[in-house]
């Protein structure tokens, strides 16, 4: 973040930060928002945001380069999204049966995302990512998961956290079920199949992170997965609606079997989506004679105003050709830093 106010005032910041740390483990409800994740001159307690600016409780002003961990893709308090939320919230926010807006957003995602033949909503990225893992395990009948060693975060659940250095509380038998491969290294993927023949349910990873995929890596990994009976899962929680409307899979022309989306899809409102090809997603439904899979069920997954925010956000990205703008601004930042 870039500080506008100079010098920084911290009287109220220090007081409220101390209160937060006394009552909330880590001082924040998201690991990535904790004091240990930011430099000392970063804002401590936010009071409000507008556009690309933040103000803390002491009135210090900042240019926000983090944008709520990448969720606020159109800027804070973006009026077209807020207006859609206001209109929807007056109709009621949650019901005991599906609302019409659930189908509307599902249809929109299906029209944009190559892998989205079926859609299931959650509230955060971890919901969708871990549901994808469960589908893969249920469909294949296998237990092992292969995840990318370069991915900083995929989910809060034990299958992922157990493979990190902060794995206290995760049983050893759970940790052993998550394997790791190297990004852009097809040989490391083949090696896992050789070591665990017929045992790997899926390869799950961010298709693009800090570095782009080498020519042929994603295409050949999909071929390798299908040859060995495993599913290819793209974690597009970060990349979705940022690299392209349909995610990296649209950009590179490789369609995974399952995908997870979140963050930028609702401009800061809480919604995520597991999307995938019908062959795999249908096992979580009721229109088949097989044993049903308890796929993904959240009380607030169909919360109407969040879904309205997502529709408005996606429509605004389309209408304003925002993806091109993101790429242009990103290039300017890289050129300026380098």
C-alpha atoms as a PDB file:
ATOM      1  CA  UNK A   1       0.000   0.000   0.000  1.00  0.00           C
ATOM      2  CA  UNK A   2       1.110   3.568  -0.672  1.00  0.00           C
ATOM      3  CA  UNK A   3       0.783   6.034   2.167  1.00  0.00           C
ATOM      4  CA  UNK A   4      -0.773   9.397   1.296  1.00  0.00           C
ATOM      5  CA  UNK A   5      -0.889  10.840   4.811  1.00  0.00           C
ATOM      6  CA  UNK A   6       2.470  11.897   6.227  1.00  0.00           C
ATOM      7  CA  UNK A   7       3.288  11.592   9.042  1.00  0.00           C
ATOM      8  CA  UNK A   8       1.116   8.629  10.004  1.00  0.00           C
ATOM      9  CA  UNK A   9      -1.081   9.031  13.083  1.00  0.00           C
ATOM     10  CA  UNK A  10      -1.650   5.888  15.126  1.00  0.00           C
ATOM     11  CA  UNK A  11      -3.347   6.763  18.419  1.00  0.00           C
ATOM     12  CA  UNK A  12      -6.724   5.170  17.589  1.00  0.00           C
ATOM     13  CA  UNK A  13      -5.094   2.508  15.442  1.00  0.00           C
ATOM     14  CA  UNK A  14      -2.999   1.221  18.317  1.00  0.00           C
ATOM     15  CA  UNK A  15      -5.953   1.219  20.706  1.00  0.00           C
ATOM     16  CA  UNK A  16      -8.325  -0.693  18.423  1.00  0.00           C
ATOM     17  CA  UNK A  17      -5.593  -3.048  17.220  1.00  0.00           C
ATOM     18  CA  UNK A  18      -4.815  -3.977  20.824  1.00  0.00           C
ATOM     19  CA  UNK A  19      -8.509  -4.656  21.449  1.00  0.00           C
ATOM     20  CA  UNK A  20      -8.724  -6.809  18.336  1.00  0.00           C
ATOM     21  CA  UNK A  21      -5.673  -8.873  19.265  1.00  0.00           C
ATOM     22  CA  UNK A  22      -7.050  -9.399  22.773  1.00  0.00           C
ATOM     23  CA  UNK A  23     -10.339 -10.815  21.485  1.00  0.00           C
ATOM     24  CA  UNK A  24      -9.473 -12.310  18.073  1.00  0.00           C
ATOM     25  CA  UNK A  25      -6.679 -14.892  17.615  1.00  0.00           C
ATOM     26  CA  UNK A  26      -4.143 -13.228  15.339  1.00  0.00           C
ATOM     27  CA  UNK A  27      -6.064  -9.959  15.474  1.00  0.00           C
ATOM     28  CA  UNK A  28      -7.989 -10.665  12.247  1.00  0.00           C
ATOM     29  CA  UNK A  29     -10.484 -13.179  10.897  1.00  0.00           C
ATOM     30  CA  UNK A  30      -8.358 -13.912   7.835  1.00  0.00           C
ATOM     31  CA  UNK A  31      -4.820 -15.237   8.144  1.00  0.00           C
ATOM     32  CA  UNK A  32      -3.619 -12.972   5.324  1.00  0.00           C
ATOM     33  CA  UNK A  33      -4.909  -9.850   7.105  1.00  0.00           C
ATOM     34  CA  UNK A  34      -2.876 -10.377  10.294  1.00  0.00           C
ATOM     35  CA  UNK A  35      -0.200  -8.013  11.588  1.00  0.00           C
ATOM     36  CA  UNK A  36       2.486 -10.580  10.749  1.00  0.00           C
ATOM     37  CA  UNK A  37       1.569 -10.354   7.057  1.00  0.00           C
ATOM     38  CA  UNK A  38       2.036  -6.587   6.630  1.00  0.00           C
ATOM     39  CA  UNK A  39       4.845  -4.061   7.205  1.00  0.00           C
ATOM     40  CA  UNK A  40       4.733  -1.806  10.251  1.00  0.00           C
ATOM     41  CA  UNK A  41       3.601   1.247   8.251  1.00  0.00           C
ATOM     42  CA  UNK A  42       0.545  -0.510   6.798  1.00  0.00           C
ATOM     43  CA  UNK A  43      -2.906   0.578   8.021  1.00  0.00           C
ATOM     44  CA  UNK A  44      -3.844  -1.220  11.217  1.00  0.00           C
ATOM     45  CA  UNK A  45      -7.623  -0.776  11.475  1.00  0.00           C
ATOM     46  CA  UNK A  46      -9.642   0.277   8.405  1.00  0.00           C
ATOM     47  CA  UNK A  47     -12.581   2.642   8.779  1.00  0.00           C
ATOM     48  CA  UNK A  48     -13.704   2.962   5.154  1.00  0.00           C
ATOM     49  CA  UNK A  49     -12.741   2.610   1.523  1.00  0.00           C
ATOM     50  CA  UNK A  50     -13.738   4.268  -1.726  1.00  0.00           C
ATOM     51  CA  UNK A  51     -12.417   3.507  -5.175  1.00  0.00           C
ATOM     52  CA  UNK A  52      -8.732   2.721  -4.804  1.00  0.00           C
ATOM     53  CA  UNK A  53      -8.336   4.516  -1.456  1.00  0.00           C
ATOM     54  CA  UNK A  54      -8.497   3.425   2.189  1.00  0.00           C
ATOM     55  CA  UNK A  55      -8.786   5.446   5.387  1.00  0.00           C
ATOM     56  CA  UNK A  56      -7.939   4.059   8.788  1.00  0.00           C
ATOM     57  CA  UNK A  57      -9.479   5.016  12.134  1.00  0.00           C
ATOM     58  CA  UNK A  58      -6.938   7.820  12.588  1.00  0.00           C
ATOM     59  CA  UNK A  59      -7.846   9.357   9.222  1.00  0.00           C
ATOM     60  CA  UNK A  60      -4.643   8.278   7.460  1.00  0.00           C
ATOM     61  CA  UNK A  61      -5.163   7.832   3.723  1.00  0.00           C
ATOM     62  CA  UNK A  62      -3.670   5.053   1.600  1.00  0.00           C
ATOM     63  CA  UNK A  63      -3.680   3.919  -2.011  1.00  0.00           C
ATOM     64  CA  UNK A  64      -4.906   0.327  -1.781  1.00  0.00           C
ATOM     65  CA  UNK A  65      -2.796  -2.067  -3.852  1.00  0.00           C
ATOM     66  CA  UNK A  66      -4.196  -5.161  -2.127  1.00  0.00           C
ATOM     67  CA  UNK A  67      -7.917  -4.493  -2.716  1.00  0.00           C
ATOM     68  CA  UNK A  68      -9.174  -6.832  -0.011  1.00  0.00           C
ATOM     69  CA  UNK A  69      -6.859  -9.686  -0.990  1.00  0.00           C
ATOM     70  CA  UNK A  70      -7.899  -9.294  -4.616  1.00  0.00           C
ATOM     71  CA  UNK A  71     -11.656  -9.511  -4.080  1.00  0.00           C
ATOM     72  CA  UNK A  72     -12.553  -5.858  -4.740  1.00  0.00           C
ATOM     73  CA  UNK A  73     -11.816  -5.952  -8.448  1.00  0.00           C
ATOM     74  CA  UNK A  74     -13.833  -2.813  -9.373  1.00  0.00           C
ATOM     75  CA  UNK A  75     -12.936  -0.619  -6.402  1.00  0.00           C
ATOM     76  CA  UNK A  76     -14.392  -0.062  -2.949  1.00  0.00           C
ATOM     77  CA  UNK A  77     -18.055   0.981  -2.722  1.00  0.00           C
ATOM     78  CA  UNK A  78     -18.584   0.495  -6.461  1.00  0.00           C
ATOM     79  CA  UNK A  79     -22.067   1.896  -6.999  1.00  0.00           C
ATOM     80  CA  UNK A  80     -23.464  -0.450  -9.701  1.00  0.00           C
ATOM     81  CA  UNK A  81     -22.742  -3.447  -7.461  1.00  0.00           C
ATOM     82  CA  UNK A  82     -24.099  -1.742  -4.347  1.00  0.00           C
ATOM     83  CA  UNK A  83     -27.253  -0.757  -6.205  1.00  0.00           C
ATOM     84  CA  UNK A  84     -27.882  -4.360  -7.266  1.00  0.00           C
ATOM     85  CA  UNK A  85     -27.392  -5.477  -3.670  1.00  0.00           C
ATOM     86  CA  UNK A  86     -29.820  -2.855  -2.346  1.00  0.00           C
ATOM     87  CA  UNK A  87     -32.499  -3.933  -4.787  1.00  0.00           C
ATOM     88  CA  UNK A  88     -32.079  -7.628  -4.027  1.00  0.00           C
ATOM     89  CA  UNK A  89     -31.840  -7.333  -0.258  1.00  0.00           C
ATOM     90  CA  UNK A  90     -35.299  -5.765  -0.073  1.00  0.00           C
ATOM     91  CA  UNK A  91     -36.763  -9.020  -1.443  1.00  0.00           C
ATOM     92  CA  UNK A  92     -35.260 -11.123   1.362  1.00  0.00           C
ATOM     93  CA  UNK A  93     -31.756 -12.486   1.764  1.00  0.00           C
ATOM     94  CA  UNK A  94     -32.159 -16.245   2.271  1.00  0.00           C
ATOM     95  CA  UNK A  95     -34.919 -18.800   1.832  1.00  0.00           C
ATOM     96  CA  UNK A  96     -35.678 -22.461   2.580  1.00  0.00           C
ATOM     97  CA  UNK A  97     -35.880 -23.281  -1.132  1.00  0.00           C
ATOM     98  CA  UNK A  98     -33.794 -22.105  -4.102  1.00  0.00           C
ATOM     99  CA  UNK A  99     -34.324 -18.540  -5.303  1.00  0.00           C
ATOM    100  CA  UNK A 100     -34.516 -17.528  -8.945  1.00  0.00           C
ATOM    101  CA  UNK A 101     -31.239 -15.625  -8.775  1.00  0.00           C
ATOM    102  CA  UNK A 102     -29.326 -18.845  -8.038  1.00  0.00           C
ATOM    103  CA  UNK A 103     -30.233 -20.139 -11.476  1.00  0.00           C
ATOM    104  CA  UNK A 104     -29.524 -16.790 -13.108  1.00  0.00           C
ATOM    105  CA  UNK A 105     -25.955 -16.642 -11.833  1.00  0.00           C
ATOM    106  CA  UNK A 106     -25.384 -20.324 -12.589  1.00  0.00           C
ATOM    107  CA  UNK A 107     -26.473 -19.712 -16.191  1.00  0.00           C
ATOM    108  CA  UNK A 108     -24.183 -16.689 -16.463  1.00  0.00           C
ATOM    109  CA  UNK A 109     -21.169 -18.647 -15.211  1.00  0.00           C
ATOM    110  CA  UNK A 110     -21.992 -21.540 -17.523  1.00  0.00           C
ATOM    111  CA  UNK A 111     -22.026 -19.154 -20.484  1.00  0.00           C
ATOM    112  CA  UNK A 112     -18.589 -17.747 -19.640  1.00  0.00           C
ATOM    113  CA  UNK A 113     -16.456 -20.510 -18.098  1.00  0.00           C
ATOM    114  CA  UNK A 114     -15.452 -23.381 -20.419  1.00  0.00           C
ATOM    115  CA  UNK A 115     -15.615 -26.082 -17.716  1.00  0.00           C
ATOM    116  CA  UNK A 116     -18.877 -24.866 -16.149  1.00  0.00           C
ATOM    117  CA  UNK A 117     -21.470 -27.368 -17.328  1.00  0.00           C
ATOM    118  CA  UNK A 118     -22.794 -27.464 -13.754  1.00  0.00           C
ATOM    119  CA  UNK A 119     -22.361 -25.010 -10.866  1.00  0.00           C
ATOM    120  CA  UNK A 120     -22.492 -25.157  -7.068  1.00  0.00           C
ATOM    121  CA  UNK A 121     -22.162 -22.048  -4.871  1.00  0.00           C
ATOM    122  CA  UNK A 122     -20.249 -21.590  -1.619  1.00  0.00           C
ATOM    123  CA  UNK A 123     -19.169 -18.587   0.442  1.00  0.00           C
ATOM    124  CA  UNK A 124     -15.364 -18.659   0.151  1.00  0.00           C
ATOM    125  CA  UNK A 125     -12.723 -20.114  -2.080  1.00  0.00           C
ATOM    126  CA  UNK A 126     -11.905 -22.943   0.296  1.00  0.00           C
ATOM    127  CA  UNK A 127     -15.493 -24.210   0.042  1.00  0.00           C
ATOM    128  CA  UNK A 128     -15.236 -24.614  -3.695  1.00  0.00           C
ATOM    129  CA  UNK A 129     -11.680 -25.943  -3.817  1.00  0.00           C
ATOM    130  CA  UNK A 130     -12.231 -28.620  -1.195  1.00  0.00           C
ATOM    131  CA  UNK A 131     -15.544 -29.616  -2.770  1.00  0.00           C
ATOM    132  CA  UNK A 132     -13.649 -30.184  -6.021  1.00  0.00           C
ATOM    133  CA  UNK A 133     -11.231 -32.460  -4.190  1.00  0.00           C
ATOM    134  CA  UNK A 134     -14.154 -34.409  -2.743  1.00  0.00           C
ATOM    135  CA  UNK A 135     -15.744 -34.846  -6.168  1.00  0.00           C
ATOM    136  CA  UNK A 136     -12.448 -36.186  -7.498  1.00  0.00           C
ATOM    137  CA  UNK A 137     -12.073 -38.653  -4.651  1.00  0.00           C
ATOM    138  CA  UNK A 138     -15.679 -39.805  -4.945  1.00  0.00           C
ATOM    139  CA  UNK A 139     -15.567 -40.162  -8.720  1.00  0.00           C
ATOM    140  CA  UNK A 140     -12.251 -42.023  -8.850  1.00  0.00           C
ATOM    141  CA  UNK A 141     -12.513 -43.934  -5.580  1.00  0.00           C
ATOM    142  CA  UNK A 142      -8.937 -42.844  -4.816  1.00  0.00           C
ATOM    143  CA  UNK A 143      -7.468 -41.090  -1.781  1.00  0.00           C
ATOM    144  CA  UNK A 144      -4.287 -39.266  -2.815  1.00  0.00           C
ATOM    145  CA  UNK A 145      -4.294 -35.605  -3.857  1.00  0.00           C
ATOM    146  CA  UNK A 146      -1.486 -33.959  -5.835  1.00  0.00           C
ATOM    147  CA  UNK A 147      -1.130 -30.239  -5.292  1.00  0.00           C
ATOM    148  CA  UNK A 148       1.408 -27.743  -6.630  1.00  0.00           C
ATOM    149  CA  UNK A 149       4.328 -26.971  -4.325  1.00  0.00           C
ATOM    150  CA  UNK A 150       4.400 -23.363  -5.591  1.00  0.00           C
ATOM    151  CA  UNK A 151       0.812 -22.534  -4.628  1.00  0.00           C
ATOM    152  CA  UNK A 152       0.795 -20.328  -1.513  1.00  0.00           C
ATOM    153  CA  UNK A 153      -2.754 -21.299  -0.534  1.00  0.00           C
ATOM    154  CA  UNK A 154      -5.563 -23.493  -1.782  1.00  0.00           C
ATOM    155  CA  UNK A 155      -7.888 -24.120   1.174  1.00  0.00           C
ATOM    156  CA  UNK A 156      -8.248 -23.987   4.952  1.00  0.00           C
ATOM    157  CA  UNK A 157      -9.040 -27.701   5.127  1.00  0.00           C
ATOM    158  CA  UNK A 158      -6.779 -30.445   6.423  1.00  0.00           C
ATOM    159  CA  UNK A 159      -5.902 -31.932   3.035  1.00  0.00           C
ATOM    160  CA  UNK A 160      -4.037 -28.693   2.175  1.00  0.00           C
ATOM    161  CA  UNK A 161      -2.947 -27.296   5.564  1.00  0.00           C
ATOM    162  CA  UNK A 162      -1.471 -30.672   6.441  1.00  0.00           C
ATOM    163  CA  UNK A 163       0.984 -30.225   3.563  1.00  0.00           C
ATOM    164  CA  UNK A 164       2.242 -26.856   4.846  1.00  0.00           C
ATOM    165  CA  UNK A 165       4.653 -25.942   7.639  1.00  0.00           C
ATOM    166  CA  UNK A 166       1.707 -24.849   9.828  1.00  0.00           C
ATOM    167  CA  UNK A 167       0.242 -28.338  10.089  1.00  0.00           C
ATOM    168  CA  UNK A 168      -0.265 -28.638  13.824  1.00  0.00           C
ATOM    169  CA  UNK A 169      -3.652 -30.232  14.509  1.00  0.00           C
ATOM    170  CA  UNK A 170      -3.748 -32.210  11.265  1.00  0.00           C
ATOM    171  CA  UNK A 171      -3.415 -35.994  11.795  1.00  0.00           C
ATOM    172  CA  UNK A 172      -0.373 -37.605  10.237  1.00  0.00           C
ATOM    173  CA  UNK A 173      -2.523 -40.057   8.284  1.00  0.00           C
ATOM    174  CA  UNK A 174      -4.260 -37.081   6.636  1.00  0.00           C
ATOM    175  CA  UNK A 175      -0.993 -35.324   5.842  1.00  0.00           C
ATOM    176  CA  UNK A 176       0.309 -38.378   4.002  1.00  0.00           C
ATOM    177  CA  UNK A 177      -2.550 -38.260   1.504  1.00  0.00           C
ATOM    178  CA  UNK A 178      -1.441 -34.959  -0.064  1.00  0.00           C
ATOM    179  CA  UNK A 179       1.457 -35.158  -2.499  1.00  0.00           C
ATOM    180  CA  UNK A 180       3.279 -32.285  -4.184  1.00  0.00           C
ATOM    181  CA  UNK A 181       4.496 -31.653  -7.721  1.00  0.00           C
ATOM    182  CA  UNK A 182       6.465 -28.793  -9.263  1.00  0.00           C
ATOM    183  CA  UNK A 183       4.850 -26.228 -11.537  1.00  0.00           C
ATOM    184  CA  UNK A 184       5.908 -26.394 -15.193  1.00  0.00           C
ATOM    185  CA  UNK A 185       7.595 -29.729 -14.465  1.00  0.00           C
ATOM    186  CA  UNK A 186       5.698 -32.525 -16.198  1.00  0.00           C
ATOM    187  CA  UNK A 187       8.337 -35.043 -15.145  1.00  0.00           C
ATOM    188  CA  UNK A 188       7.537 -34.442 -11.469  1.00  0.00           C
ATOM    189  CA  UNK A 189       3.869 -35.149 -12.251  1.00  0.00           C
ATOM    190  CA  UNK A 190       4.724 -38.374 -14.068  1.00  0.00           C
ATOM    191  CA  UNK A 191       6.910 -39.378 -11.134  1.00  0.00           C
ATOM    192  CA  UNK A 192       3.935 -39.175  -8.757  1.00  0.00           C
ATOM    193  CA  UNK A 193       1.866 -41.407 -11.024  1.00  0.00           C
ATOM    194  CA  UNK A 194       4.776 -43.859 -11.124  1.00  0.00           C
ATOM    195  CA  UNK A 195       5.119 -43.870  -7.331  1.00  0.00           C
ATOM    196  CA  UNK A 196       1.372 -44.071  -6.645  1.00  0.00           C
ATOM    197  CA  UNK A 197      -0.133 -46.007  -9.571  1.00  0.00           C
ATOM    198  CA  UNK A 198      -3.928 -46.026  -9.595  1.00  0.00           C
ATOM    199  CA  UNK A 199      -4.062 -44.084  -6.308  1.00  0.00           C
ATOM    200  CA  UNK A 200      -4.125 -40.362  -7.229  1.00  0.00           C
ATOM    201  CA  UNK A 201      -7.589 -38.803  -7.467  1.00  0.00           C
ATOM    202  CA  UNK A 202      -6.604 -35.425  -8.894  1.00  0.00           C
ATOM    203  CA  UNK A 203      -4.012 -32.780  -9.632  1.00  0.00           C
ATOM    204  CA  UNK A 204      -5.152 -29.440  -8.227  1.00  0.00           C
ATOM    205  CA  UNK A 205      -3.353 -26.114  -8.616  1.00  0.00           C
ATOM    206  CA  UNK A 206      -3.499 -22.495  -9.715  1.00  0.00           C
ATOM    207  CA  UNK A 207      -3.065 -22.647 -13.512  1.00  0.00           C
ATOM    208  CA  UNK A 208      -1.185 -19.336 -13.405  1.00  0.00           C
ATOM    209  CA  UNK A 209       0.449 -17.852 -10.335  1.00  0.00           C
ATOM    210  CA  UNK A 210       3.648 -15.823 -10.201  1.00  0.00           C
ATOM    211  CA  UNK A 211       4.935 -17.287 -13.454  1.00  0.00           C
ATOM    212  CA  UNK A 212       3.076 -18.285 -16.644  1.00  0.00           C
ATOM    213  CA  UNK A 213       2.747 -21.896 -17.769  1.00  0.00           C
ATOM    214  CA  UNK A 214       5.324 -23.113 -20.242  1.00  0.00           C
ATOM    215  CA  UNK A 215       4.078 -24.054 -23.689  1.00  0.00           C
ATOM    216  CA  UNK A 216       2.319 -27.398 -23.502  1.00  0.00           C
ATOM    217  CA  UNK A 217       2.482 -27.859 -19.727  1.00  0.00           C
ATOM    218  CA  UNK A 218      -1.240 -27.520 -19.004  1.00  0.00           C
ATOM    219  CA  UNK A 219      -2.273 -29.408 -22.144  1.00  0.00           C
ATOM    220  CA  UNK A 220       0.092 -32.296 -21.451  1.00  0.00           C
ATOM    221  CA  UNK A 221      -0.799 -32.455 -17.768  1.00  0.00           C
ATOM    222  CA  UNK A 222      -4.457 -32.911 -18.712  1.00  0.00           C
ATOM    223  CA  UNK A 223      -3.488 -35.706 -21.095  1.00  0.00           C
ATOM    224  CA  UNK A 224      -1.360 -37.283 -18.371  1.00  0.00           C
ATOM    225  CA  UNK A 225      -4.189 -37.081 -15.832  1.00  0.00           C
ATOM    226  CA  UNK A 226      -6.711 -38.646 -18.202  1.00  0.00           C
ATOM    227  CA  UNK A 227      -4.252 -41.386 -19.156  1.00  0.00           C
ATOM    228  CA  UNK A 228      -3.874 -42.266 -15.471  1.00  0.00           C
ATOM    229  CA  UNK A 229      -7.532 -41.892 -14.463  1.00  0.00           C
ATOM    230  CA  UNK A 230      -7.122 -38.706 -12.401  1.00  0.00           C
ATOM    231  CA  UNK A 231      -9.031 -35.435 -12.645  1.00  0.00           C
ATOM    232  CA  UNK A 232      -7.470 -32.074 -13.499  1.00  0.00           C
ATOM    233  CA  UNK A 233      -8.685 -29.277 -11.207  1.00  0.00           C
ATOM    234  CA  UNK A 234      -7.903 -25.597 -11.700  1.00  0.00           C
ATOM    235  CA  UNK A 235      -7.967 -23.414  -8.597  1.00  0.00           C
ATOM    236  CA  UNK A 236      -9.096 -20.180 -10.258  1.00  0.00           C
ATOM    237  CA  UNK A 237     -10.127 -18.459  -7.038  1.00  0.00           C
ATOM    238  CA  UNK A 238      -7.491 -15.797  -7.716  1.00  0.00           C
ATOM    239  CA  UNK A 239      -7.265 -15.898 -11.519  1.00  0.00           C
ATOM    240  CA  UNK A 240     -10.970 -16.034 -12.327  1.00  0.00           C
ATOM    241  CA  UNK A 241     -12.515 -12.822 -13.740  1.00  0.00           C
ATOM    242  CA  UNK A 242      -9.044 -11.288 -13.660  1.00  0.00           C
ATOM    243  CA  UNK A 243      -7.011 -12.928 -16.417  1.00  0.00           C
ATOM    244  CA  UNK A 244     -10.147 -13.431 -18.510  1.00  0.00           C
ATOM    245  CA  UNK A 245     -13.881 -13.624 -17.858  1.00  0.00           C
ATOM    246  CA  UNK A 246     -13.722 -17.390 -18.186  1.00  0.00           C
ATOM    247  CA  UNK A 247     -10.523 -17.641 -16.190  1.00  0.00           C
ATOM    248  CA  UNK A 248      -7.117 -18.857 -17.264  1.00  0.00           C
ATOM    249  CA  UNK A 249      -8.773 -21.881 -18.874  1.00  0.00           C
ATOM    250  CA  UNK A 250     -10.368 -19.558 -21.429  1.00  0.00           C
ATOM    251  CA  UNK A 251      -7.099 -17.705 -21.959  1.00  0.00           C
ATOM    252  CA  UNK A 252      -4.953 -20.783 -22.603  1.00  0.00           C
ATOM    253  CA  UNK A 253      -7.588 -23.012 -24.184  1.00  0.00           C
ATOM    254  CA  UNK A 254      -7.281 -25.888 -21.703  1.00  0.00           C
ATOM    255  CA  UNK A 255     -10.528 -27.028 -20.078  1.00  0.00           C
ATOM    256  CA  UNK A 256     -10.081 -28.766 -16.709  1.00  0.00           C
ATOM    257  CA  UNK A 257     -12.526 -31.342 -15.395  1.00  0.00           C
ATOM    258  CA  UNK A 258     -13.372 -29.164 -12.371  1.00  0.00           C
ATOM    259  CA  UNK A 259     -12.624 -25.574 -11.337  1.00  0.00           C
ATOM    260  CA  UNK A 260     -13.031 -23.318  -8.310  1.00  0.00           C
ATOM    261  CA  UNK A 261     -13.821 -19.597  -8.542  1.00  0.00           C
ATOM    262  CA  UNK A 262     -14.170 -16.861  -5.915  1.00  0.00           C
ATOM    263  CA  UNK A 263     -12.551 -13.556  -4.946  1.00  0.00           C
ATOM    264  CA  UNK A 264     -13.109 -11.188  -7.911  1.00  0.00           C
ATOM    265  CA  UNK A 265     -16.490 -12.618  -8.909  1.00  0.00           C
ATOM    266  CA  UNK A 266     -18.552 -10.365  -6.577  1.00  0.00           C
ATOM    267  CA  UNK A 267     -16.385  -7.281  -5.841  1.00  0.00           C
ATOM    268  CA  UNK A 268     -15.879  -8.179  -2.191  1.00  0.00           C
ATOM    269  CA  UNK A 269     -19.205  -9.850  -1.428  1.00  0.00           C
ATOM    270  CA  UNK A 270     -19.003 -13.421  -0.199  1.00  0.00           C
ATOM    271  CA  UNK A 271     -19.607 -15.973  -2.931  1.00  0.00           C
ATOM    272  CA  UNK A 272     -17.588 -18.739  -4.538  1.00  0.00           C
ATOM    273  CA  UNK A 273     -18.365 -21.390  -7.107  1.00  0.00           C
ATOM    274  CA  UNK A 274     -17.394 -24.951  -7.827  1.00  0.00           C
ATOM    275  CA  UNK A 275     -17.928 -25.523 -11.535  1.00  0.00           C
ATOM    276  CA  UNK A 276     -17.272 -28.572 -13.623  1.00  0.00           C
ATOM    277  CA  UNK A 277     -18.165 -30.952 -16.371  1.00  0.00           C
ATOM    278  CA  UNK A 278     -21.509 -32.687 -15.908  1.00  0.00           C
ATOM    279  CA  UNK A 279     -19.999 -36.176 -15.826  1.00  0.00           C
ATOM    280  CA  UNK A 280     -18.283 -35.359 -12.536  1.00  0.00           C
ATOM    281  CA  UNK A 281     -20.583 -32.783 -10.948  1.00  0.00           C
ATOM    282  CA  UNK A 282     -23.729 -34.893 -11.348  1.00  0.00           C
ATOM    283  CA  UNK A 283     -22.645 -37.330  -8.617  1.00  0.00           C
ATOM    284  CA  UNK A 284     -23.571 -34.626  -6.105  1.00  0.00           C
ATOM    285  CA  UNK A 285     -27.116 -34.498  -7.456  1.00  0.00           C
ATOM    286  CA  UNK A 286     -30.211 -36.692  -7.242  1.00  0.00           C
ATOM    287  CA  UNK A 287     -30.860 -37.536 -10.895  1.00  0.00           C
ATOM    288  CA  UNK A 288     -28.901 -40.810 -10.948  1.00  0.00           C
ATOM    289  CA  UNK A 289     -29.073 -44.277  -9.371  1.00  0.00           C
ATOM    290  CA  UNK A 290     -25.560 -44.268  -7.919  1.00  0.00           C
ATOM    291  CA  UNK A 291     -24.629 -43.607  -4.312  1.00  0.00           C
ATOM    292  CA  UNK A 292     -24.994 -39.877  -3.806  1.00  0.00           C
ATOM    293  CA  UNK A 293     -22.031 -37.696  -2.820  1.00  0.00           C
ATOM    294  CA  UNK A 294     -22.546 -35.035  -0.146  1.00  0.00           C
ATOM    295  CA  UNK A 295     -20.917 -32.454  -2.350  1.00  0.00           C
ATOM    296  CA  UNK A 296     -21.200 -28.913  -1.014  1.00  0.00           C
ATOM    297  CA  UNK A 297     -23.898 -27.603   1.300  1.00  0.00           C
ATOM    298  CA  UNK A 298     -23.807 -24.192   2.979  1.00  0.00           C
ATOM    299  CA  UNK A 299     -26.672 -22.400   4.693  1.00  0.00           C
ATOM    300  CA  UNK A 300     -25.645 -19.141   3.057  1.00  0.00           C
ATOM    301  CA  UNK A 301     -24.555 -20.430  -0.359  1.00  0.00           C
ATOM    302  CA  UNK A 302     -27.713 -19.047  -1.949  1.00  0.00           C
ATOM    303  CA  UNK A 303     -27.667 -15.730  -0.091  1.00  0.00           C
ATOM    304  CA  UNK A 304     -29.413 -13.551  -2.634  1.00  0.00           C
ATOM    305  CA  UNK A 305     -27.639 -10.219  -2.306  1.00  0.00           C
ATOM    306  CA  UNK A 306     -24.204 -11.835  -2.720  1.00  0.00           C
ATOM    307  CA  UNK A 307     -25.381 -13.535  -5.903  1.00  0.00           C
ATOM    308  CA  UNK A 308     -26.812 -10.221  -7.110  1.00  0.00           C
ATOM    309  CA  UNK A 309     -23.440  -8.621  -6.396  1.00  0.00           C
ATOM    310  CA  UNK A 310     -21.754 -11.278  -8.492  1.00  0.00           C
ATOM    311  CA  UNK A 311     -24.067 -10.775 -11.470  1.00  0.00           C
ATOM    312  CA  UNK A 312     -23.596  -6.998 -11.284  1.00  0.00           C
ATOM    313  CA  UNK A 313     -19.828  -7.352 -10.929  1.00  0.00           C
ATOM    314  CA  UNK A 314     -19.485  -9.695 -13.898  1.00  0.00           C
ATOM    315  CA  UNK A 315     -21.760  -7.522 -16.021  1.00  0.00           C
ATOM    316  CA  UNK A 316     -19.693  -4.441 -15.145  1.00  0.00           C
ATOM    317  CA  UNK A 317     -16.472  -6.228 -16.080  1.00  0.00           C
ATOM    318  CA  UNK A 318     -18.002  -7.124 -19.440  1.00  0.00           C
ATOM    319  CA  UNK A 319     -19.597  -3.744 -20.119  1.00  0.00           C
ATOM    320  CA  UNK A 320     -16.472  -1.744 -19.312  1.00  0.00           C
ATOM    321  CA  UNK A 321     -14.005  -4.109 -20.986  1.00  0.00           C
ATOM    322  CA  UNK A 322     -12.315  -4.223 -17.604  1.00  0.00           C
ATOM    323  CA  UNK A 323     -10.137  -7.253 -18.325  1.00  0.00           C
ATOM    324  CA  UNK A 324      -8.126  -5.281 -20.895  1.00  0.00           C
ATOM    325  CA  UNK A 325      -7.822  -2.450 -18.386  1.00  0.00           C
ATOM    326  CA  UNK A 326      -6.490  -4.857 -15.733  1.00  0.00           C
ATOM    327  CA  UNK A 327      -3.832  -6.115 -18.126  1.00  0.00           C
ATOM    328  CA  UNK A 328      -2.816  -2.584 -19.137  1.00  0.00           C
ATOM    329  CA  UNK A 329      -2.558  -1.334 -15.560  1.00  0.00           C
ATOM    330  CA  UNK A 330      -0.660  -4.448 -14.543  1.00  0.00           C
ATOM    331  CA  UNK A 331       1.847  -3.897 -17.315  1.00  0.00           C
ATOM    332  CA  UNK A 332       2.290  -0.266 -16.260  1.00  0.00           C
ATOM    333  CA  UNK A 333       2.997  -1.352 -12.686  1.00  0.00           C
ATOM    334  CA  UNK A 334       5.515  -3.953 -13.811  1.00  0.00           C
ATOM    335  CA  UNK A 335       7.239  -1.477 -16.107  1.00  0.00           C
ATOM    336  CA  UNK A 336       7.368   1.114 -13.332  1.00  0.00           C
ATOM    337  CA  UNK A 337       8.828  -1.283 -10.778  1.00  0.00           C
ATOM    338  CA  UNK A 338      11.275  -2.964 -13.129  1.00  0.00           C
END
